[in-house]
């Protein structure tokens, strides 16, 4: 058979492979894939498995990333030839689109999973204290353990652990550095206004609708000193003004 005939035969019999088939093959042999995606902090490696995205790290040397991945997860990851639905969703999310992204947290402990799933519920434009997160998962005395769990977040940016800060509203630690964490927060809320409120000794903000919030509940901090909005130093002071806790930020004991 001539080379031309072989080429014609190949073209006639070639079939495309579905993304789900490709994902299944890689899962069967215990190998994950990764690609490079743009994000708010620059290019990042995004690795994924059959259940979902398993890792997000700053892009750099591929061999170093692959070695880290093997040590952290006990399986290999290789460069992807093309995107599939999981990586496509992650790419869109990292570019600011409101899309659901499946996440693979199999290698996290049950406690870490509870912490990360709760952190994932903090909406853009908001931040919450570590103590708040500990309370929300039913472990109010585990603030330090919560911080450690967030420090091990395998998928930062997709699970927004940068939105968890210290009670005094200083940013705290972050896998990509405190300066990066602050920059991410400042993209999402007026962090300067939050600090201004906290530096006056206020732990909460009264709202003209009859409730009180954390200073990091949306844009509430920017409204202090406007009609009906003022700072509060304690829960007792809030109760003295007959205010009820905000149902969104749930400030009591935060």
C-alpha atoms as a PDB file:
ATOM      1  CA  UNK A   1       0.000   0.000   0.000  1.00  0.00           C
ATOM      2  CA  UNK A   2       1.388   3.379  -0.977  1.00  0.00           C
ATOM      3  CA  UNK A   3       2.009   6.173   1.516  1.00  0.00           C
ATOM      4  CA  UNK A   4      -0.880   8.097  -0.029  1.00  0.00           C
ATOM      5  CA  UNK A   5      -3.216   5.152   0.448  1.00  0.00           C
ATOM      6  CA  UNK A   6      -2.074   4.714   4.045  1.00  0.00           C
ATOM      7  CA  UNK A   7      -2.772   8.385   4.715  1.00  0.00           C
ATOM      8  CA  UNK A   8      -6.208   8.113   3.133  1.00  0.00           C
ATOM      9  CA  UNK A   9      -6.967   5.016   5.222  1.00  0.00           C
ATOM     10  CA  UNK A  10      -5.857   6.724   8.409  1.00  0.00           C
ATOM     11  CA  UNK A  11      -7.990   9.788   7.681  1.00  0.00           C
ATOM     12  CA  UNK A  12     -10.998   7.641   6.860  1.00  0.00           C
ATOM     13  CA  UNK A  13     -10.794   5.510   9.988  1.00  0.00           C
ATOM     14  CA  UNK A  14      -9.655   8.108  12.522  1.00  0.00           C
ATOM     15  CA  UNK A  15     -12.206   8.787  15.251  1.00  0.00           C
ATOM     16  CA  UNK A  16     -12.289  11.495  17.902  1.00  0.00           C
ATOM     17  CA  UNK A  17     -12.150  10.400  21.522  1.00  0.00           C
ATOM     18  CA  UNK A  18     -14.630  11.848  24.003  1.00  0.00           C
ATOM     19  CA  UNK A  19     -13.287  13.747  27.029  1.00  0.00           C
ATOM     20  CA  UNK A  20     -15.009  11.294  29.369  1.00  0.00           C
ATOM     21  CA  UNK A  21     -13.233   8.366  27.711  1.00  0.00           C
ATOM     22  CA  UNK A  22      -9.888  10.142  28.066  1.00  0.00           C
ATOM     23  CA  UNK A  23     -10.580  10.937  31.724  1.00  0.00           C
ATOM     24  CA  UNK A  24     -11.551   7.327  32.356  1.00  0.00           C
ATOM     25  CA  UNK A  25      -8.356   6.008  30.793  1.00  0.00           C
ATOM     26  CA  UNK A  26      -6.149   8.299  32.894  1.00  0.00           C
ATOM     27  CA  UNK A  27      -8.106   7.411  36.037  1.00  0.00           C
ATOM     28  CA  UNK A  28      -7.722   3.695  35.315  1.00  0.00           C
ATOM     29  CA  UNK A  29      -3.946   3.970  35.145  1.00  0.00           C
ATOM     30  CA  UNK A  30      -3.724   6.240  38.199  1.00  0.00           C
ATOM     31  CA  UNK A  31      -2.483   9.333  36.395  1.00  0.00           C
ATOM     32  CA  UNK A  32      -3.945  12.839  36.654  1.00  0.00           C
ATOM     33  CA  UNK A  33      -3.449  15.729  34.242  1.00  0.00           C
ATOM     34  CA  UNK A  34      -2.575  19.385  34.555  1.00  0.00           C
ATOM     35  CA  UNK A  35      -2.577  22.523  32.479  1.00  0.00           C
ATOM     36  CA  UNK A  36      -1.720  26.208  32.873  1.00  0.00           C
ATOM     37  CA  UNK A  37      -4.531  28.720  33.419  1.00  0.00           C
ATOM     38  CA  UNK A  38      -4.534  32.509  33.860  1.00  0.00           C
ATOM     39  CA  UNK A  39      -5.815  33.763  37.223  1.00  0.00           C
ATOM     40  CA  UNK A  40      -6.009  36.882  39.360  1.00  0.00           C
ATOM     41  CA  UNK A  41      -2.481  36.199  40.640  1.00  0.00           C
ATOM     42  CA  UNK A  42      -0.937  35.192  37.318  1.00  0.00           C
ATOM     43  CA  UNK A  43      -0.572  31.828  35.626  1.00  0.00           C
ATOM     44  CA  UNK A  44      -1.243  28.767  37.757  1.00  0.00           C
ATOM     45  CA  UNK A  45      -0.973  25.029  37.323  1.00  0.00           C
ATOM     46  CA  UNK A  46      -4.379  23.357  37.573  1.00  0.00           C
ATOM     47  CA  UNK A  47      -4.343  19.587  38.033  1.00  0.00           C
ATOM     48  CA  UNK A  48      -7.403  17.398  37.905  1.00  0.00           C
ATOM     49  CA  UNK A  49      -8.558  13.816  38.278  1.00  0.00           C
ATOM     50  CA  UNK A  50     -11.790  12.053  37.406  1.00  0.00           C
ATOM     51  CA  UNK A  51     -13.699  13.474  40.452  1.00  0.00           C
ATOM     52  CA  UNK A  52     -12.531  17.048  39.916  1.00  0.00           C
ATOM     53  CA  UNK A  53      -9.755  19.620  40.314  1.00  0.00           C
ATOM     54  CA  UNK A  54      -7.179  18.336  42.762  1.00  0.00           C
ATOM     55  CA  UNK A  55      -4.537  21.083  42.884  1.00  0.00           C
ATOM     56  CA  UNK A  56      -3.881  24.732  42.081  1.00  0.00           C
ATOM     57  CA  UNK A  57      -0.345  26.075  42.394  1.00  0.00           C
ATOM     58  CA  UNK A  58       1.636  28.923  40.880  1.00  0.00           C
ATOM     59  CA  UNK A  59       2.960  27.964  37.458  1.00  0.00           C
ATOM     60  CA  UNK A  60       6.685  27.420  37.236  1.00  0.00           C
ATOM     61  CA  UNK A  61       8.986  24.480  36.703  1.00  0.00           C
ATOM     62  CA  UNK A  62       6.935  21.482  35.576  1.00  0.00           C
ATOM     63  CA  UNK A  63       9.228  18.871  37.097  1.00  0.00           C
ATOM     64  CA  UNK A  64       9.069  20.572  40.489  1.00  0.00           C
ATOM     65  CA  UNK A  65       5.279  20.694  40.328  1.00  0.00           C
ATOM     66  CA  UNK A  66       5.018  17.052  39.267  1.00  0.00           C
ATOM     67  CA  UNK A  67       7.333  15.985  42.107  1.00  0.00           C
ATOM     68  CA  UNK A  68       5.299  17.992  44.637  1.00  0.00           C
ATOM     69  CA  UNK A  69       2.092  16.472  43.297  1.00  0.00           C
ATOM     70  CA  UNK A  70       3.387  12.917  43.547  1.00  0.00           C
ATOM     71  CA  UNK A  71       4.511  13.505  47.140  1.00  0.00           C
ATOM     72  CA  UNK A  72       1.257  15.215  48.183  1.00  0.00           C
ATOM     73  CA  UNK A  73      -1.227  12.902  46.473  1.00  0.00           C
ATOM     74  CA  UNK A  74       0.670   9.658  45.876  1.00  0.00           C
ATOM     75  CA  UNK A  75      -0.054   9.586  42.163  1.00  0.00           C
ATOM     76  CA  UNK A  76       1.371  11.065  38.990  1.00  0.00           C
ATOM     77  CA  UNK A  77       0.167  14.028  36.996  1.00  0.00           C
ATOM     78  CA  UNK A  78       1.151  14.746  33.402  1.00  0.00           C
ATOM     79  CA  UNK A  79       0.632  17.718  31.076  1.00  0.00           C
ATOM     80  CA  UNK A  80      -2.775  17.653  29.381  1.00  0.00           C
ATOM     81  CA  UNK A  81      -3.002  17.738  25.611  1.00  0.00           C
ATOM     82  CA  UNK A  82      -6.362  19.512  25.736  1.00  0.00           C
ATOM     83  CA  UNK A  83      -9.011  20.739  28.156  1.00  0.00           C
ATOM     84  CA  UNK A  84     -11.989  18.646  29.198  1.00  0.00           C
ATOM     85  CA  UNK A  85     -15.156  19.795  31.043  1.00  0.00           C
ATOM     86  CA  UNK A  86     -13.397  19.865  34.429  1.00  0.00           C
ATOM     87  CA  UNK A  87     -10.432  21.977  33.347  1.00  0.00           C
ATOM     88  CA  UNK A  88     -12.682  24.162  31.196  1.00  0.00           C
ATOM     89  CA  UNK A  89     -14.847  24.952  34.235  1.00  0.00           C
ATOM     90  CA  UNK A  90     -11.758  25.669  36.356  1.00  0.00           C
ATOM     91  CA  UNK A  91     -10.352  27.954  33.682  1.00  0.00           C
ATOM     92  CA  UNK A  92     -13.626  29.911  33.565  1.00  0.00           C
ATOM     93  CA  UNK A  93     -13.840  30.155  37.369  1.00  0.00           C
ATOM     94  CA  UNK A  94     -10.281  31.468  37.625  1.00  0.00           C
ATOM     95  CA  UNK A  95     -11.187  34.162  35.104  1.00  0.00           C
ATOM     96  CA  UNK A  96     -14.045  35.363  37.296  1.00  0.00           C
ATOM     97  CA  UNK A  97     -17.037  33.527  35.844  1.00  0.00           C
ATOM     98  CA  UNK A  98     -19.681  32.161  38.195  1.00  0.00           C
ATOM     99  CA  UNK A  99     -19.511  28.486  37.280  1.00  0.00           C
ATOM    100  CA  UNK A 100     -19.545  25.287  39.316  1.00  0.00           C
ATOM    101  CA  UNK A 101     -16.234  23.431  39.436  1.00  0.00           C
ATOM    102  CA  UNK A 102     -15.992  19.846  40.717  1.00  0.00           C
ATOM    103  CA  UNK A 103     -13.282  19.563  43.366  1.00  0.00           C
ATOM    104  CA  UNK A 104     -11.369  16.438  44.399  1.00  0.00           C
ATOM    105  CA  UNK A 105     -10.677  16.550  48.155  1.00  0.00           C
ATOM    106  CA  UNK A 106     -10.129  12.811  48.631  1.00  0.00           C
ATOM    107  CA  UNK A 107      -6.679  13.331  50.112  1.00  0.00           C
ATOM    108  CA  UNK A 108      -7.972  15.754  52.761  1.00  0.00           C
ATOM    109  CA  UNK A 109      -9.085  14.550  56.175  1.00  0.00           C
ATOM    110  CA  UNK A 110     -12.804  14.719  57.055  1.00  0.00           C
ATOM    111  CA  UNK A 111     -12.060  17.742  59.274  1.00  0.00           C
ATOM    112  CA  UNK A 112     -10.166  19.483  56.474  1.00  0.00           C
ATOM    113  CA  UNK A 113     -13.024  18.776  54.079  1.00  0.00           C
ATOM    114  CA  UNK A 114     -15.535  20.357  56.475  1.00  0.00           C
ATOM    115  CA  UNK A 115     -13.346  23.450  56.772  1.00  0.00           C
ATOM    116  CA  UNK A 116     -12.833  23.772  53.032  1.00  0.00           C
ATOM    117  CA  UNK A 117     -16.467  23.157  52.096  1.00  0.00           C
ATOM    118  CA  UNK A 118     -17.514  25.902  54.529  1.00  0.00           C
ATOM    119  CA  UNK A 119     -14.837  28.298  53.266  1.00  0.00           C
ATOM    120  CA  UNK A 120     -16.127  27.688  49.746  1.00  0.00           C
ATOM    121  CA  UNK A 121     -19.482  29.174  50.793  1.00  0.00           C
ATOM    122  CA  UNK A 122     -17.988  32.611  51.586  1.00  0.00           C
ATOM    123  CA  UNK A 123     -19.175  34.809  48.738  1.00  0.00           C
ATOM    124  CA  UNK A 124     -17.026  37.319  46.831  1.00  0.00           C
ATOM    125  CA  UNK A 125     -16.942  40.689  48.548  1.00  0.00           C
ATOM    126  CA  UNK A 126     -16.973  39.072  51.987  1.00  0.00           C
ATOM    127  CA  UNK A 127     -14.461  37.780  54.522  1.00  0.00           C
ATOM    128  CA  UNK A 128     -14.841  35.851  57.775  1.00  0.00           C
ATOM    129  CA  UNK A 129     -12.606  35.292  60.841  1.00  0.00           C
ATOM    130  CA  UNK A 130     -10.931  31.954  61.510  1.00  0.00           C
ATOM    131  CA  UNK A 131     -12.953  31.773  64.723  1.00  0.00           C
ATOM    132  CA  UNK A 132     -16.178  32.218  62.750  1.00  0.00           C
ATOM    133  CA  UNK A 133     -15.265  29.300  60.510  1.00  0.00           C
ATOM    134  CA  UNK A 134     -14.444  27.126  63.531  1.00  0.00           C
ATOM    135  CA  UNK A 135     -17.837  27.915  64.996  1.00  0.00           C
ATOM    136  CA  UNK A 136     -19.640  27.263  61.720  1.00  0.00           C
ATOM    137  CA  UNK A 137     -18.264  23.710  61.477  1.00  0.00           C
ATOM    138  CA  UNK A 138     -19.196  22.979  65.093  1.00  0.00           C
ATOM    139  CA  UNK A 139     -15.654  23.145  66.495  1.00  0.00           C
ATOM    140  CA  UNK A 140     -15.459  26.554  68.210  1.00  0.00           C
ATOM    141  CA  UNK A 141     -12.248  25.691  70.074  1.00  0.00           C
ATOM    142  CA  UNK A 142     -10.412  24.543  66.942  1.00  0.00           C
ATOM    143  CA  UNK A 143      -9.383  27.914  65.503  1.00  0.00           C
ATOM    144  CA  UNK A 144      -5.740  26.881  65.120  1.00  0.00           C
ATOM    145  CA  UNK A 145      -6.726  23.597  63.476  1.00  0.00           C
ATOM    146  CA  UNK A 146      -8.950  25.540  61.074  1.00  0.00           C
ATOM    147  CA  UNK A 147      -5.976  27.712  60.115  1.00  0.00           C
ATOM    148  CA  UNK A 148      -3.858  24.613  59.521  1.00  0.00           C
ATOM    149  CA  UNK A 149      -6.575  23.064  57.359  1.00  0.00           C
ATOM    150  CA  UNK A 150      -6.803  26.217  55.253  1.00  0.00           C
ATOM    151  CA  UNK A 151      -3.022  26.207  54.922  1.00  0.00           C
ATOM    152  CA  UNK A 152      -3.291  22.755  53.361  1.00  0.00           C
ATOM    153  CA  UNK A 153      -6.018  23.802  50.922  1.00  0.00           C
ATOM    154  CA  UNK A 154      -4.990  22.017  47.695  1.00  0.00           C
ATOM    155  CA  UNK A 155      -7.123  24.251  45.475  1.00  0.00           C
ATOM    156  CA  UNK A 156      -6.687  27.886  46.575  1.00  0.00           C
ATOM    157  CA  UNK A 157      -8.565  30.436  44.445  1.00  0.00           C
ATOM    158  CA  UNK A 158     -11.177  27.797  43.583  1.00  0.00           C
ATOM    159  CA  UNK A 159     -11.854  27.321  47.305  1.00  0.00           C
ATOM    160  CA  UNK A 160     -11.357  30.934  48.432  1.00  0.00           C
ATOM    161  CA  UNK A 161      -9.398  30.459  51.660  1.00  0.00           C
ATOM    162  CA  UNK A 162      -8.070  34.002  51.179  1.00  0.00           C
ATOM    163  CA  UNK A 163     -11.472  35.173  52.465  1.00  0.00           C
ATOM    164  CA  UNK A 164     -10.709  33.815  55.941  1.00  0.00           C
ATOM    165  CA  UNK A 165      -8.839  36.362  58.061  1.00  0.00           C
ATOM    166  CA  UNK A 166      -7.921  37.092  61.662  1.00  0.00           C
ATOM    167  CA  UNK A 167     -10.404  38.457  64.171  1.00  0.00           C
ATOM    168  CA  UNK A 168      -8.625  41.825  64.154  1.00  0.00           C
ATOM    169  CA  UNK A 169      -9.065  41.844  60.349  1.00  0.00           C
ATOM    170  CA  UNK A 170      -5.359  41.470  59.610  1.00  0.00           C
ATOM    171  CA  UNK A 171      -4.982  39.096  56.687  1.00  0.00           C
ATOM    172  CA  UNK A 172      -3.111  36.183  58.276  1.00  0.00           C
ATOM    173  CA  UNK A 173      -1.176  33.521  56.396  1.00  0.00           C
ATOM    174  CA  UNK A 174      -1.704  32.278  52.862  1.00  0.00           C
ATOM    175  CA  UNK A 175      -0.107  29.659  50.636  1.00  0.00           C
ATOM    176  CA  UNK A 176       0.830  32.361  48.085  1.00  0.00           C
ATOM    177  CA  UNK A 177       1.943  34.873  50.731  1.00  0.00           C
ATOM    178  CA  UNK A 178       0.194  37.507  52.854  1.00  0.00           C
ATOM    179  CA  UNK A 179       0.740  40.271  50.276  1.00  0.00           C
ATOM    180  CA  UNK A 180      -1.049  38.220  47.638  1.00  0.00           C
ATOM    181  CA  UNK A 181      -3.862  37.471  50.070  1.00  0.00           C
ATOM    182  CA  UNK A 182      -4.336  41.153  50.796  1.00  0.00           C
ATOM    183  CA  UNK A 183      -4.298  41.984  47.081  1.00  0.00           C
ATOM    184  CA  UNK A 184      -7.004  39.370  46.450  1.00  0.00           C
ATOM    185  CA  UNK A 185      -9.129  40.760  49.284  1.00  0.00           C
ATOM    186  CA  UNK A 186      -8.741  44.318  48.008  1.00  0.00           C
ATOM    187  CA  UNK A 187     -10.031  43.204  44.603  1.00  0.00           C
ATOM    188  CA  UNK A 188     -13.236  42.007  46.261  1.00  0.00           C
ATOM    189  CA  UNK A 189     -14.045  44.417  49.098  1.00  0.00           C
ATOM    190  CA  UNK A 190     -12.976  47.782  50.461  1.00  0.00           C
ATOM    191  CA  UNK A 191     -10.419  46.390  52.874  1.00  0.00           C
ATOM    192  CA  UNK A 192      -9.255  49.869  53.819  1.00  0.00           C
ATOM    193  CA  UNK A 193     -12.755  50.713  55.050  1.00  0.00           C
ATOM    194  CA  UNK A 194     -12.827  47.481  57.058  1.00  0.00           C
ATOM    195  CA  UNK A 195      -9.520  48.331  58.723  1.00  0.00           C
ATOM    196  CA  UNK A 196     -10.734  51.860  59.479  1.00  0.00           C
ATOM    197  CA  UNK A 197     -13.763  50.466  61.323  1.00  0.00           C
ATOM    198  CA  UNK A 198     -11.722  47.879  63.245  1.00  0.00           C
ATOM    199  CA  UNK A 199      -8.998  50.371  64.175  1.00  0.00           C
ATOM    200  CA  UNK A 200     -11.660  52.445  65.937  1.00  0.00           C
ATOM    201  CA  UNK A 201     -12.315  49.495  68.215  1.00  0.00           C
ATOM    202  CA  UNK A 202     -15.546  48.409  66.528  1.00  0.00           C
ATOM    203  CA  UNK A 203     -16.222  44.668  66.169  1.00  0.00           C
ATOM    204  CA  UNK A 204     -19.611  45.017  64.487  1.00  0.00           C
ATOM    205  CA  UNK A 205     -21.597  47.460  62.377  1.00  0.00           C
ATOM    206  CA  UNK A 206     -25.207  48.452  63.019  1.00  0.00           C
ATOM    207  CA  UNK A 207     -27.493  48.585  60.005  1.00  0.00           C
ATOM    208  CA  UNK A 208     -30.547  50.801  59.579  1.00  0.00           C
ATOM    209  CA  UNK A 209     -32.623  47.681  58.890  1.00  0.00           C
ATOM    210  CA  UNK A 210     -32.363  46.616  62.517  1.00  0.00           C
ATOM    211  CA  UNK A 211     -29.544  44.109  62.476  1.00  0.00           C
ATOM    212  CA  UNK A 212     -25.799  44.105  63.022  1.00  0.00           C
ATOM    213  CA  UNK A 213     -22.996  42.619  60.941  1.00  0.00           C
ATOM    214  CA  UNK A 214     -19.320  41.842  60.883  1.00  0.00           C
ATOM    215  CA  UNK A 215     -17.339  44.672  59.237  1.00  0.00           C
ATOM    216  CA  UNK A 216     -16.451  42.220  56.460  1.00  0.00           C
ATOM    217  CA  UNK A 217     -20.070  41.508  55.512  1.00  0.00           C
ATOM    218  CA  UNK A 218     -20.168  42.858  51.976  1.00  0.00           C
ATOM    219  CA  UNK A 219     -19.788  46.632  51.761  1.00  0.00           C
ATOM    220  CA  UNK A 220     -21.171  47.271  55.268  1.00  0.00           C
ATOM    221  CA  UNK A 221     -17.922  48.875  56.501  1.00  0.00           C
ATOM    222  CA  UNK A 222     -18.145  51.598  53.853  1.00  0.00           C
ATOM    223  CA  UNK A 223     -21.489  52.753  55.281  1.00  0.00           C
ATOM    224  CA  UNK A 224     -20.350  53.559  58.815  1.00  0.00           C
ATOM    225  CA  UNK A 225     -21.180  57.182  59.758  1.00  0.00           C
ATOM    226  CA  UNK A 226     -23.955  57.293  57.178  1.00  0.00           C
ATOM    227  CA  UNK A 227     -27.641  57.403  58.150  1.00  0.00           C
ATOM    228  CA  UNK A 228     -28.460  54.438  60.377  1.00  0.00           C
ATOM    229  CA  UNK A 229     -25.023  52.815  60.199  1.00  0.00           C
ATOM    230  CA  UNK A 230     -22.582  53.002  63.105  1.00  0.00           C
ATOM    231  CA  UNK A 231     -19.895  50.947  64.775  1.00  0.00           C
ATOM    232  CA  UNK A 232     -20.476  48.675  67.759  1.00  0.00           C
ATOM    233  CA  UNK A 233     -17.891  47.477  70.273  1.00  0.00           C
ATOM    234  CA  UNK A 234     -19.727  44.427  71.612  1.00  0.00           C
ATOM    235  CA  UNK A 235     -22.734  42.164  71.282  1.00  0.00           C
ATOM    236  CA  UNK A 236     -24.108  43.727  74.468  1.00  0.00           C
ATOM    237  CA  UNK A 237     -24.029  47.136  72.807  1.00  0.00           C
ATOM    238  CA  UNK A 238     -25.855  45.694  69.794  1.00  0.00           C
ATOM    239  CA  UNK A 239     -28.541  44.239  72.047  1.00  0.00           C
ATOM    240  CA  UNK A 240     -28.859  47.575  73.852  1.00  0.00           C
ATOM    241  CA  UNK A 241     -29.830  49.070  70.493  1.00  0.00           C
ATOM    242  CA  UNK A 242     -32.345  46.229  69.991  1.00  0.00           C
ATOM    243  CA  UNK A 243     -30.433  44.899  66.983  1.00  0.00           C
ATOM    244  CA  UNK A 244     -30.574  41.299  65.790  1.00  0.00           C
ATOM    245  CA  UNK A 245     -27.681  39.354  64.204  1.00  0.00           C
ATOM    246  CA  UNK A 246     -27.341  39.425  60.418  1.00  0.00           C
ATOM    247  CA  UNK A 247     -28.532  36.176  58.893  1.00  0.00           C
ATOM    248  CA  UNK A 248     -25.789  36.258  56.255  1.00  0.00           C
ATOM    249  CA  UNK A 249     -22.577  36.863  58.208  1.00  0.00           C
ATOM    250  CA  UNK A 250     -23.983  35.413  61.478  1.00  0.00           C
ATOM    251  CA  UNK A 251     -21.763  37.599  63.692  1.00  0.00           C
ATOM    252  CA  UNK A 252     -22.465  36.229  67.174  1.00  0.00           C
ATOM    253  CA  UNK A 253     -19.270  34.874  68.786  1.00  0.00           C
ATOM    254  CA  UNK A 254     -17.264  35.462  65.597  1.00  0.00           C
END
